[in-house]
Amino acid sequence: AKSCAQVVRAAEGTSAIPGDGEQQVVLASMAVWNEDVASCSFLDLVDRGTETREVGRDFVNTIKFRDDRWCRPAVDDDPERCFNAQAAGVTTVTYIDEPTDERDGEIVDADVELNNVTFRITVNGQGTGSAPCAADLANTLVHELGHLLGLEHTCRGPMDPERVDHTGAAVPLCTATSDPVITEATMYPYQECGETKKATLSPDDIDAICRSHPLADDPGACEPPDDLSGGCCGAAPDPRASAALALLVAALVSGRRRRSALRR
C-alpha cells in the first residue's frame, strides 16, 4: 500500500476554457479530496504536473480532456473505446484481481477522461463549447477523482452486479432509492446540466475514504511512479507476470433517474 495517488495532467488541456483555467480547476478538485479527508485518512492526491500524453495501461494516473471525439484511441494492445454520449466523465481503473496476492484490489492505473464533445465543459458557467448540456468541470472531476481513489457509486445502475456496503447491507438500485445520503453524495452517478453540488464532498464521501484508508493504517510511503513494485502509482515492466489485472470503467451520467421506478 502507498499513502498517495500520483496524478499527471495532460498538458493539452481543453479548448473549452480560456488559458490554463482548466488546469487550475483540476488542482482545486484534487485539493477538495485532500483537505476534506486529511483529519481521518492518510490518502493524498499528489500532482505530478503536466505532460503531453495519452491515457493507457501504463501505470500512470492521467487526467485527459476530449475535445474532438468522445473516444479513447487505440494504444498498444488496447483497442479504441468510445464512451456513452450521456457520460460527462469516465474513469478507467485497472486493479490487481488475485485473491492470493497481498495486493489484491490495489489500483495500479486510473485514467480520468472528460467529455467536451457531447457536453459543454464549463467553469463558473462559462465555456466555449457548443453542446447544449453544460458540465461544470469541478462537479464532474471531483466525482471522477473519487473513482481514481477507489470509490464506487452510491447506488447501482441497471446493469451493475449486486453488491453490499461496508455494513453488509445491499447497495440499492439508483431507481429504487430517494435516500438523500445516496442521492446528494458526490459519488451519486447522475448529474443535471449545469449542476455544481458534486464539487463539494458529502459526509458519506468523506466517510468512505476514511474507512478504506484510515490514518491508523498509514504506510508512510509515497513512492515515485518509476518504482518497480507494481503498486498504486508504480510502473512495473510486466505486472501480469505476478498478478492478474482487472478493468473497471465508471462514468458520471447526465439526466435524472426515472422517478416512476421508485419504490415507496
C-alpha atoms as a PDB file:
ATOM      1  CA  ALA A   1       0.000   0.000   0.000  1.00  0.00           C
ATOM      2  CA  LYS A   2       1.038   3.570  -0.600  1.00  0.00           C
ATOM      3  CA  SER A   3      -0.060   6.793   1.040  1.00  0.00           C
ATOM      4  CA  CYS A   4      -0.781   8.647  -2.174  1.00  0.00           C
ATOM      5  CA  ALA A   5      -2.133   8.515  -5.692  1.00  0.00           C
ATOM      6  CA  GLN A   6       0.110  10.472  -8.025  1.00  0.00           C
ATOM      7  CA  VAL A   7      -1.636  12.141 -10.960  1.00  0.00           C
ATOM      8  CA  VAL A   8      -0.380  13.564 -14.263  1.00  0.00           C
ATOM      9  CA  ARG A   9      -2.401  16.275 -16.028  1.00  0.00           C
ATOM     10  CA  ALA A  10      -2.404  16.035 -19.826  1.00  0.00           C
ATOM     11  CA  ALA A  11      -0.766  19.279 -20.947  1.00  0.00           C
ATOM     12  CA  GLU A  12      -3.117  19.726 -23.905  1.00  0.00           C
ATOM     13  CA  GLY A  13      -5.990  20.629 -21.588  1.00  0.00           C
ATOM     14  CA  THR A  14      -9.181  21.674 -23.353  1.00  0.00           C
ATOM     15  CA  SER A  15     -10.176  24.413 -25.768  1.00  0.00           C
ATOM     16  CA  ALA A  16     -13.381  24.863 -23.764  1.00  0.00           C
ATOM     17  CA  ILE A  17     -11.725  27.062 -21.133  1.00  0.00           C
ATOM     18  CA  PRO A  18      -9.508  30.081 -21.910  1.00  0.00           C
ATOM     19  CA  GLY A  19      -5.838  29.940 -20.944  1.00  0.00           C
ATOM     20  CA  ASP A  20      -4.975  27.266 -18.409  1.00  0.00           C
ATOM     21  CA  GLY A  21      -8.144  27.750 -16.380  1.00  0.00           C
ATOM     22  CA  GLU A  22      -8.992  24.066 -16.593  1.00  0.00           C
ATOM     23  CA  GLN A  23      -5.638  23.129 -15.044  1.00  0.00           C
ATOM     24  CA  GLN A  24      -6.379  25.326 -12.054  1.00  0.00           C
ATOM     25  CA  VAL A  25      -9.736  23.590 -11.602  1.00  0.00           C
ATOM     26  CA  VAL A  26      -8.026  20.194 -11.746  1.00  0.00           C
ATOM     27  CA  LEU A  27      -5.661  21.223  -8.953  1.00  0.00           C
ATOM     28  CA  ALA A  28      -8.512  22.676  -6.910  1.00  0.00           C
ATOM     29  CA  SER A  29     -10.553  19.484  -7.343  1.00  0.00           C
ATOM     30  CA  MET A  30      -7.664  17.389  -6.075  1.00  0.00           C
ATOM     31  CA  ALA A  31      -7.368  19.737  -3.103  1.00  0.00           C
ATOM     32  CA  VAL A  32     -11.047  19.171  -2.243  1.00  0.00           C
ATOM     33  CA  TRP A  33     -10.369  15.498  -1.545  1.00  0.00           C
ATOM     34  CA  ASN A  34      -7.047  16.106   0.199  1.00  0.00           C
ATOM     35  CA  GLU A  35      -8.345  18.786   2.531  1.00  0.00           C
ATOM     36  CA  ASP A  36     -11.669  17.174   3.393  1.00  0.00           C
ATOM     37  CA  VAL A  37     -10.229  13.776   4.370  1.00  0.00           C
ATOM     38  CA  ALA A  38      -6.983  14.991   5.968  1.00  0.00           C
ATOM     39  CA  SER A  39      -8.260  14.649   9.533  1.00  0.00           C
ATOM     40  CA  CYS A  40      -9.178  10.971   9.190  1.00  0.00           C
ATOM     41  CA  SER A  41      -7.318   9.467   6.209  1.00  0.00           C
ATOM     42  CA  PHE A  42      -3.710   9.200   5.067  1.00  0.00           C
ATOM     43  CA  LEU A  43      -4.613   9.098   1.373  1.00  0.00           C
ATOM     44  CA  ASP A  44      -3.396  12.020  -0.738  1.00  0.00           C
ATOM     45  CA  LEU A  45      -3.727  13.017  -4.373  1.00  0.00           C
ATOM     46  CA  VAL A  46      -0.308  14.243  -5.488  1.00  0.00           C
ATOM     47  CA  ASP A  47       0.083  16.397  -8.603  1.00  0.00           C
ATOM     48  CA  ARG A  48       2.981  15.395 -10.870  1.00  0.00           C
ATOM     49  CA  GLY A  49       2.477  18.327 -13.200  1.00  0.00           C
ATOM     50  CA  THR A  50       1.636  18.308 -16.898  1.00  0.00           C
ATOM     51  CA  GLU A  51       2.850  16.085 -19.719  1.00  0.00           C
ATOM     52  CA  THR A  52       1.822  15.730 -23.345  1.00  0.00           C
ATOM     53  CA  ARG A  53       0.489  12.203 -23.192  1.00  0.00           C
ATOM     54  CA  GLU A  54      -2.290   9.761 -23.970  1.00  0.00           C
ATOM     55  CA  VAL A  55      -4.039   7.528 -21.468  1.00  0.00           C
ATOM     56  CA  GLY A  56      -3.462   3.783 -21.365  1.00  0.00           C
ATOM     57  CA  ARG A  57      -2.498   0.903 -19.136  1.00  0.00           C
ATOM     58  CA  ASP A  58       0.886   2.477 -18.478  1.00  0.00           C
ATOM     59  CA  PHE A  59       0.666   2.653 -14.672  1.00  0.00           C
ATOM     60  CA  VAL A  60       0.417   6.443 -14.734  1.00  0.00           C
ATOM     61  CA  ASN A  61      -2.777   8.017 -13.417  1.00  0.00           C
ATOM     62  CA  THR A  62      -3.723  10.581 -16.063  1.00  0.00           C
ATOM     63  CA  ILE A  63      -6.402  13.272 -16.434  1.00  0.00           C
ATOM     64  CA  LYS A  64      -7.261  13.837 -20.100  1.00  0.00           C
ATOM     65  CA  PHE A  65      -9.768  16.112 -21.860  1.00  0.00           C
ATOM     66  CA  ARG A  66     -11.558  15.010 -25.050  1.00  0.00           C
ATOM     67  CA  ASP A  67     -12.450  17.881 -27.404  1.00  0.00           C
ATOM     68  CA  ASP A  68     -12.764  16.110 -30.768  1.00  0.00           C
ATOM     69  CA  ARG A  69     -14.140  12.597 -30.243  1.00  0.00           C
ATOM     70  CA  TRP A  70     -15.600  11.049 -27.119  1.00  0.00           C
ATOM     71  CA  CYS A  71     -13.400   8.012 -27.541  1.00  0.00           C
ATOM     72  CA  ARG A  72     -10.195   6.593 -26.107  1.00  0.00           C
ATOM     73  CA  PRO A  73      -7.859   5.894 -29.049  1.00  0.00           C
ATOM     74  CA  ALA A  74      -6.198   2.551 -29.619  1.00  0.00           C
ATOM     75  CA  VAL A  75      -2.938   2.371 -27.646  1.00  0.00           C
ATOM     76  CA  ASP A  76      -0.629  -0.642 -27.903  1.00  0.00           C
ATOM     77  CA  ASP A  77      -2.830  -3.719 -27.369  1.00  0.00           C
ATOM     78  CA  ASP A  78      -5.807  -1.658 -26.168  1.00  0.00           C
ATOM     79  CA  PRO A  79      -8.390  -1.141 -28.958  1.00  0.00           C
ATOM     80  CA  GLU A  80     -10.242   2.132 -29.450  1.00  0.00           C
ATOM     81  CA  ARG A  81     -13.101   2.522 -26.998  1.00  0.00           C
ATOM     82  CA  CYS A  82     -15.915   5.054 -27.496  1.00  0.00           C
ATOM     83  CA  PHE A  83     -17.967   6.076 -24.480  1.00  0.00           C
ATOM     84  CA  ASN A  84     -21.619   6.664 -23.635  1.00  0.00           C
ATOM     85  CA  ALA A  85     -22.616  10.064 -25.057  1.00  0.00           C
ATOM     86  CA  GLN A  86     -24.540  10.715 -21.818  1.00  0.00           C
ATOM     87  CA  ALA A  87     -21.365  10.448 -19.718  1.00  0.00           C
ATOM     88  CA  ALA A  88     -19.715  13.748 -18.787  1.00  0.00           C
ATOM     89  CA  GLY A  89     -16.672  11.905 -17.490  1.00  0.00           C
ATOM     90  CA  VAL A  90     -15.265   8.386 -17.417  1.00  0.00           C
ATOM     91  CA  THR A  91     -12.648   6.808 -15.157  1.00  0.00           C
ATOM     92  CA  THR A  92     -10.960   3.584 -16.252  1.00  0.00           C
ATOM     93  CA  VAL A  93      -9.436   1.758 -13.289  1.00  0.00           C
ATOM     94  CA  THR A  94      -7.011  -1.158 -13.562  1.00  0.00           C
ATOM     95  CA  TYR A  95      -6.547  -3.115 -10.344  1.00  0.00           C
ATOM     96  CA  ILE A  96      -4.976  -6.339  -9.124  1.00  0.00           C
ATOM     97  CA  ASP A  97      -7.518  -9.159  -9.089  1.00  0.00           C
ATOM     98  CA  GLU A  98      -5.720 -12.015  -7.404  1.00  0.00           C
ATOM     99  CA  PRO A  99      -7.103 -13.239  -4.048  1.00  0.00           C
ATOM    100  CA  THR A 100      -3.812 -14.933  -3.123  1.00  0.00           C
ATOM    101  CA  ASP A 101      -1.809 -11.726  -3.663  1.00  0.00           C
ATOM    102  CA  GLU A 102      -1.419  -9.403  -0.683  1.00  0.00           C
ATOM    103  CA  ARG A 103      -2.042  -6.523  -3.108  1.00  0.00           C
ATOM    104  CA  ASP A 104      -5.435  -7.898  -4.197  1.00  0.00           C
ATOM    105  CA  GLY A 105      -7.725  -4.974  -5.009  1.00  0.00           C
ATOM    106  CA  GLU A 106      -4.886  -2.465  -5.273  1.00  0.00           C
ATOM    107  CA  ILE A 107      -5.297   0.097  -8.050  1.00  0.00           C
ATOM    108  CA  VAL A 108      -2.325   0.164 -10.425  1.00  0.00           C
ATOM    109  CA  ASP A 109      -3.655   2.600 -13.021  1.00  0.00           C
ATOM    110  CA  ALA A 110      -6.601   5.017 -13.134  1.00  0.00           C
ATOM    111  CA  ASP A 111      -7.272   7.402 -16.005  1.00  0.00           C
ATOM    112  CA  VAL A 112      -9.911  10.135 -15.985  1.00  0.00           C
ATOM    113  CA  GLU A 113     -11.339  11.336 -19.312  1.00  0.00           C
ATOM    114  CA  LEU A 114     -13.554  14.422 -19.556  1.00  0.00           C
ATOM    115  CA  ASN A 115     -16.161  14.951 -22.267  1.00  0.00           C
ATOM    116  CA  ASN A 116     -16.166  18.249 -24.186  1.00  0.00           C
ATOM    117  CA  VAL A 117     -17.770  16.627 -27.227  1.00  0.00           C
ATOM    118  CA  THR A 118     -21.345  15.763 -26.280  1.00  0.00           C
ATOM    119  CA  PHE A 119     -21.144  18.086 -23.250  1.00  0.00           C
ATOM    120  CA  ARG A 120     -20.018  21.683 -22.892  1.00  0.00           C
ATOM    121  CA  ILE A 121     -17.346  21.811 -20.189  1.00  0.00           C
ATOM    122  CA  THR A 122     -17.724  24.977 -18.126  1.00  0.00           C
ATOM    123  CA  VAL A 123     -16.032  26.809 -15.268  1.00  0.00           C
ATOM    124  CA  ASN A 124     -18.249  29.241 -13.352  1.00  0.00           C
ATOM    125  CA  GLY A 125     -20.870  28.727 -16.046  1.00  0.00           C
ATOM    126  CA  GLN A 126     -18.548  29.741 -18.877  1.00  0.00           C
ATOM    127  CA  GLY A 127     -17.244  27.546 -21.685  1.00  0.00           C
ATOM    128  CA  THR A 128     -16.663  27.841 -25.413  1.00  0.00           C
ATOM    129  CA  GLY A 129     -18.197  24.515 -26.441  1.00  0.00           C
ATOM    130  CA  SER A 130     -21.413  24.211 -28.423  1.00  0.00           C
ATOM    131  CA  ALA A 131     -23.106  21.184 -26.835  1.00  0.00           C
ATOM    132  CA  PRO A 132     -26.461  22.058 -25.234  1.00  0.00           C
ATOM    133  CA  CYS A 133     -25.757  20.453 -21.841  1.00  0.00           C
ATOM    134  CA  ALA A 134     -23.216  22.200 -19.612  1.00  0.00           C
ATOM    135  CA  ALA A 135     -20.966  20.017 -17.467  1.00  0.00           C
ATOM    136  CA  ASP A 136     -19.325  22.010 -14.688  1.00  0.00           C
ATOM    137  CA  LEU A 137     -15.722  20.843 -14.631  1.00  0.00           C
ATOM    138  CA  ALA A 138     -15.325  20.690 -10.863  1.00  0.00           C
ATOM    139  CA  ASN A 139     -18.669  18.906 -10.492  1.00  0.00           C
ATOM    140  CA  THR A 140     -17.574  16.181 -12.908  1.00  0.00           C
ATOM    141  CA  LEU A 141     -13.948  15.952 -11.858  1.00  0.00           C
ATOM    142  CA  VAL A 142     -14.394  15.702  -8.082  1.00  0.00           C
ATOM    143  CA  HIS A 143     -16.713  12.752  -8.782  1.00  0.00           C
ATOM    144  CA  GLU A 144     -14.247  11.086 -11.159  1.00  0.00           C
ATOM    145  CA  LEU A 145     -11.361  11.568  -8.728  1.00  0.00           C
ATOM    146  CA  GLY A 146     -13.405   9.585  -6.224  1.00  0.00           C
ATOM    147  CA  HIS A 147     -13.223   6.644  -8.637  1.00  0.00           C
ATOM    148  CA  LEU A 148      -9.480   7.194  -9.065  1.00  0.00           C
ATOM    149  CA  LEU A 149      -9.212   6.841  -5.279  1.00  0.00           C
ATOM    150  CA  GLY A 150     -11.170   3.592  -5.397  1.00  0.00           C
ATOM    151  CA  LEU A 151     -14.733   4.628  -4.561  1.00  0.00           C
ATOM    152  CA  GLU A 152     -17.762   3.122  -6.267  1.00  0.00           C
ATOM    153  CA  HIS A 153     -21.106   4.801  -6.934  1.00  0.00           C
ATOM    154  CA  THR A 154     -23.509   5.183  -4.022  1.00  0.00           C
ATOM    155  CA  CYS A 155     -26.148   3.136  -5.848  1.00  0.00           C
ATOM    156  CA  ARG A 156     -26.300   0.604  -8.684  1.00  0.00           C
ATOM    157  CA  GLY A 157     -27.157   1.162 -12.311  1.00  0.00           C
ATOM    158  CA  PRO A 158     -29.479  -1.272 -14.118  1.00  0.00           C
ATOM    159  CA  MET A 159     -26.571  -3.380 -15.424  1.00  0.00           C
ATOM    160  CA  ASP A 160     -24.443  -3.302 -12.266  1.00  0.00           C
ATOM    161  CA  PRO A 161     -23.983  -6.526 -10.281  1.00  0.00           C
ATOM    162  CA  GLU A 162     -25.381  -6.785  -6.791  1.00  0.00           C
ATOM    163  CA  ARG A 163     -23.010  -5.717  -4.017  1.00  0.00           C
ATOM    164  CA  VAL A 164     -23.068  -4.754  -0.347  1.00  0.00           C
ATOM    165  CA  ASP A 165     -21.796  -1.723   1.533  1.00  0.00           C
ATOM    166  CA  HIS A 166     -19.397  -1.680   4.492  1.00  0.00           C
ATOM    167  CA  THR A 167     -22.218  -2.662   6.870  1.00  0.00           C
ATOM    168  CA  GLY A 168     -23.200  -5.671   4.785  1.00  0.00           C
ATOM    169  CA  ALA A 169     -26.387  -4.013   3.554  1.00  0.00           C
ATOM    170  CA  ALA A 170     -27.332  -4.393  -0.104  1.00  0.00           C
ATOM    171  CA  VAL A 171     -26.491  -1.365  -2.248  1.00  0.00           C
ATOM    172  CA  PRO A 172     -29.805  -0.309  -3.841  1.00  0.00           C
ATOM    173  CA  LEU A 173     -30.556   0.370  -7.466  1.00  0.00           C
ATOM    174  CA  CYS A 174     -30.470   4.092  -8.203  1.00  0.00           C
ATOM    175  CA  THR A 175     -34.042   3.842  -9.473  1.00  0.00           C
ATOM    176  CA  ALA A 176     -35.164   2.351  -6.164  1.00  0.00           C
ATOM    177  CA  THR A 177     -33.924   4.925  -3.658  1.00  0.00           C
ATOM    178  CA  SER A 178     -34.595   8.515  -2.705  1.00  0.00           C
ATOM    179  CA  ASP A 179     -32.322   8.429   0.346  1.00  0.00           C
ATOM    180  CA  PRO A 180     -30.526  11.816   0.384  1.00  0.00           C
ATOM    181  CA  VAL A 181     -27.395  10.214   1.835  1.00  0.00           C
ATOM    182  CA  ILE A 182     -27.160   8.392  -1.500  1.00  0.00           C
ATOM    183  CA  THR A 183     -28.582  10.936  -3.936  1.00  0.00           C
ATOM    184  CA  GLU A 184     -26.787  14.006  -2.537  1.00  0.00           C
ATOM    185  CA  ALA A 185     -23.343  12.401  -2.394  1.00  0.00           C
ATOM    186  CA  THR A 186     -20.596  13.346  -4.826  1.00  0.00           C
ATOM    187  CA  MET A 187     -20.378   9.668  -5.808  1.00  0.00           C
ATOM    188  CA  TYR A 188     -24.030   9.521  -6.891  1.00  0.00           C
ATOM    189  CA  PRO A 189     -23.787   8.559 -10.589  1.00  0.00           C
ATOM    190  CA  TYR A 190     -26.193  11.095 -12.110  1.00  0.00           C
ATOM    191  CA  GLN A 191     -25.930  14.831 -12.666  1.00  0.00           C
ATOM    192  CA  GLU A 192     -28.091  17.502 -14.249  1.00  0.00           C
ATOM    193  CA  CYS A 193     -26.895  20.023 -16.828  1.00  0.00           C
ATOM    194  CA  GLY A 194     -25.057  22.846 -15.082  1.00  0.00           C
ATOM    195  CA  GLU A 195     -25.037  21.078 -11.711  1.00  0.00           C
ATOM    196  CA  THR A 196     -22.310  22.109  -9.245  1.00  0.00           C
ATOM    197  CA  LYS A 197     -23.100  20.316  -5.965  1.00  0.00           C
ATOM    198  CA  LYS A 198     -20.761  17.367  -6.597  1.00  0.00           C
ATOM    199  CA  ALA A 199     -17.798  19.741  -6.404  1.00  0.00           C
ATOM    200  CA  THR A 200     -18.287  19.620  -2.614  1.00  0.00           C
ATOM    201  CA  LEU A 201     -17.949  16.327  -0.750  1.00  0.00           C
ATOM    202  CA  SER A 202     -20.761  14.982   1.380  1.00  0.00           C
ATOM    203  CA  PRO A 203     -20.171  13.292   4.751  1.00  0.00           C
ATOM    204  CA  ASP A 204     -20.765   9.927   3.034  1.00  0.00           C
ATOM    205  CA  ASP A 205     -17.953  10.558   0.525  1.00  0.00           C
ATOM    206  CA  ILE A 206     -15.538  11.543   3.277  1.00  0.00           C
ATOM    207  CA  ASP A 207     -16.519   8.586   5.449  1.00  0.00           C
ATOM    208  CA  ALA A 208     -15.893   6.167   2.575  1.00  0.00           C
ATOM    209  CA  ILE A 209     -12.260   7.262   2.183  1.00  0.00           C
ATOM    210  CA  CYS A 210     -11.680   7.389   5.917  1.00  0.00           C
ATOM    211  CA  ARG A 211     -12.955   3.828   6.320  1.00  0.00           C
ATOM    212  CA  SER A 212     -10.903   2.462   3.429  1.00  0.00           C
ATOM    213  CA  HIS A 213      -7.694   4.399   4.193  1.00  0.00           C
ATOM    214  CA  PRO A 214      -7.737   5.380   7.896  1.00  0.00           C
ATOM    215  CA  LEU A 215      -4.894   7.350   9.440  1.00  0.00           C
ATOM    216  CA  ALA A 216      -4.058   4.389  11.661  1.00  0.00           C
ATOM    217  CA  ASP A 217      -3.097   2.347   8.584  1.00  0.00           C
ATOM    218  CA  ASP A 218      -0.781   4.967   7.060  1.00  0.00           C
ATOM    219  CA  PRO A 219       2.078   3.084   5.349  1.00  0.00           C
ATOM    220  CA  GLY A 220       4.159   6.251   5.493  1.00  0.00           C
ATOM    221  CA  ALA A 221       5.415   5.896   1.929  1.00  0.00           C
ATOM    222  CA  CYS A 222       4.633   7.599  -1.341  1.00  0.00           C
ATOM    223  CA  GLU A 223       6.977   6.037  -3.871  1.00  0.00           C
ATOM    224  CA  PRO A 224       7.711   7.790  -7.159  1.00  0.00           C
ATOM    225  CA  PRO A 225       5.953   6.434 -10.251  1.00  0.00           C
ATOM    226  CA  ASP A 226       9.035   4.611 -11.536  1.00  0.00           C
ATOM    227  CA  ASP A 227       9.050   2.316  -8.521  1.00  0.00           C
ATOM    228  CA  LEU A 228       9.020  -1.295  -9.752  1.00  0.00           C
ATOM    229  CA  SER A 229       6.821  -2.725  -7.038  1.00  0.00           C
ATOM    230  CA  GLY A 230       3.738  -2.605  -9.271  1.00  0.00           C
ATOM    231  CA  GLY A 231       1.838  -0.678  -6.618  1.00  0.00           C
ATOM    232  CA  CYS A 232      -0.684   2.137  -6.894  1.00  0.00           C
ATOM    233  CA  CYS A 233       1.418   4.592  -8.771  1.00  0.00           C
ATOM    234  CA  GLY A 234       4.317   2.367  -9.726  1.00  0.00           C
ATOM    235  CA  ALA A 235       5.373   1.207 -13.168  1.00  0.00           C
ATOM    236  CA  ALA A 236       6.106  -2.491 -13.486  1.00  0.00           C
ATOM    237  CA  PRO A 237       7.648  -3.942 -16.648  1.00  0.00           C
ATOM    238  CA  ASP A 238       5.080  -6.733 -16.767  1.00  0.00           C
ATOM    239  CA  PRO A 239       2.729  -6.874 -13.762  1.00  0.00           C
ATOM    240  CA  ARG A 240       0.717  -9.631 -15.443  1.00  0.00           C
ATOM    241  CA  ALA A 241       3.608 -11.943 -14.675  1.00  0.00           C
ATOM    242  CA  SER A 242       2.918 -11.707 -10.961  1.00  0.00           C
ATOM    243  CA  ALA A 243      -0.755 -10.774 -10.646  1.00  0.00           C
ATOM    244  CA  ALA A 244      -3.960 -10.845 -12.658  1.00  0.00           C
ATOM    245  CA  LEU A 245      -5.332  -7.441 -13.604  1.00  0.00           C
ATOM    246  CA  ALA A 246      -8.975  -6.414 -13.886  1.00  0.00           C
ATOM    247  CA  LEU A 247     -10.545  -3.407 -15.565  1.00  0.00           C
ATOM    248  CA  LEU A 248     -13.394  -1.234 -14.273  1.00  0.00           C
ATOM    249  CA  VAL A 249     -14.968   1.676 -16.162  1.00  0.00           C
ATOM    250  CA  ALA A 250     -17.129   4.129 -14.204  1.00  0.00           C
ATOM    251  CA  ALA A 251     -18.998   7.125 -15.591  1.00  0.00           C
ATOM    252  CA  LEU A 252     -20.929  10.166 -14.378  1.00  0.00           C
ATOM    253  CA  VAL A 253     -24.109  10.283 -16.461  1.00  0.00           C
ATOM    254  CA  SER A 254     -26.313  13.270 -17.215  1.00  0.00           C
ATOM    255  CA  GLY A 255     -30.049  13.158 -16.556  1.00  0.00           C
ATOM    256  CA  ARG A 256     -32.397  12.388 -13.721  1.00  0.00           C
ATOM    257  CA  ARG A 257     -33.104   8.800 -12.817  1.00  0.00           C
ATOM    258  CA  ARG A 258     -36.642   7.767 -13.696  1.00  0.00           C
ATOM    259  CA  ARG A 259     -38.612   8.616 -10.578  1.00  0.00           C
ATOM    260  CA  SER A 260     -41.530   6.497 -11.789  1.00  0.00           C
ATOM    261  CA  ALA A 261     -39.428   3.467 -10.917  1.00  0.00           C
ATOM    262  CA  LEU A 262     -39.006   4.443  -7.270  1.00  0.00           C
ATOM    263  CA  ARG A 263     -40.352   2.119  -4.615  1.00  0.00           C
ATOM    264  CA  ARG A 264     -42.307   3.923  -1.903  1.00  0.00           C
END
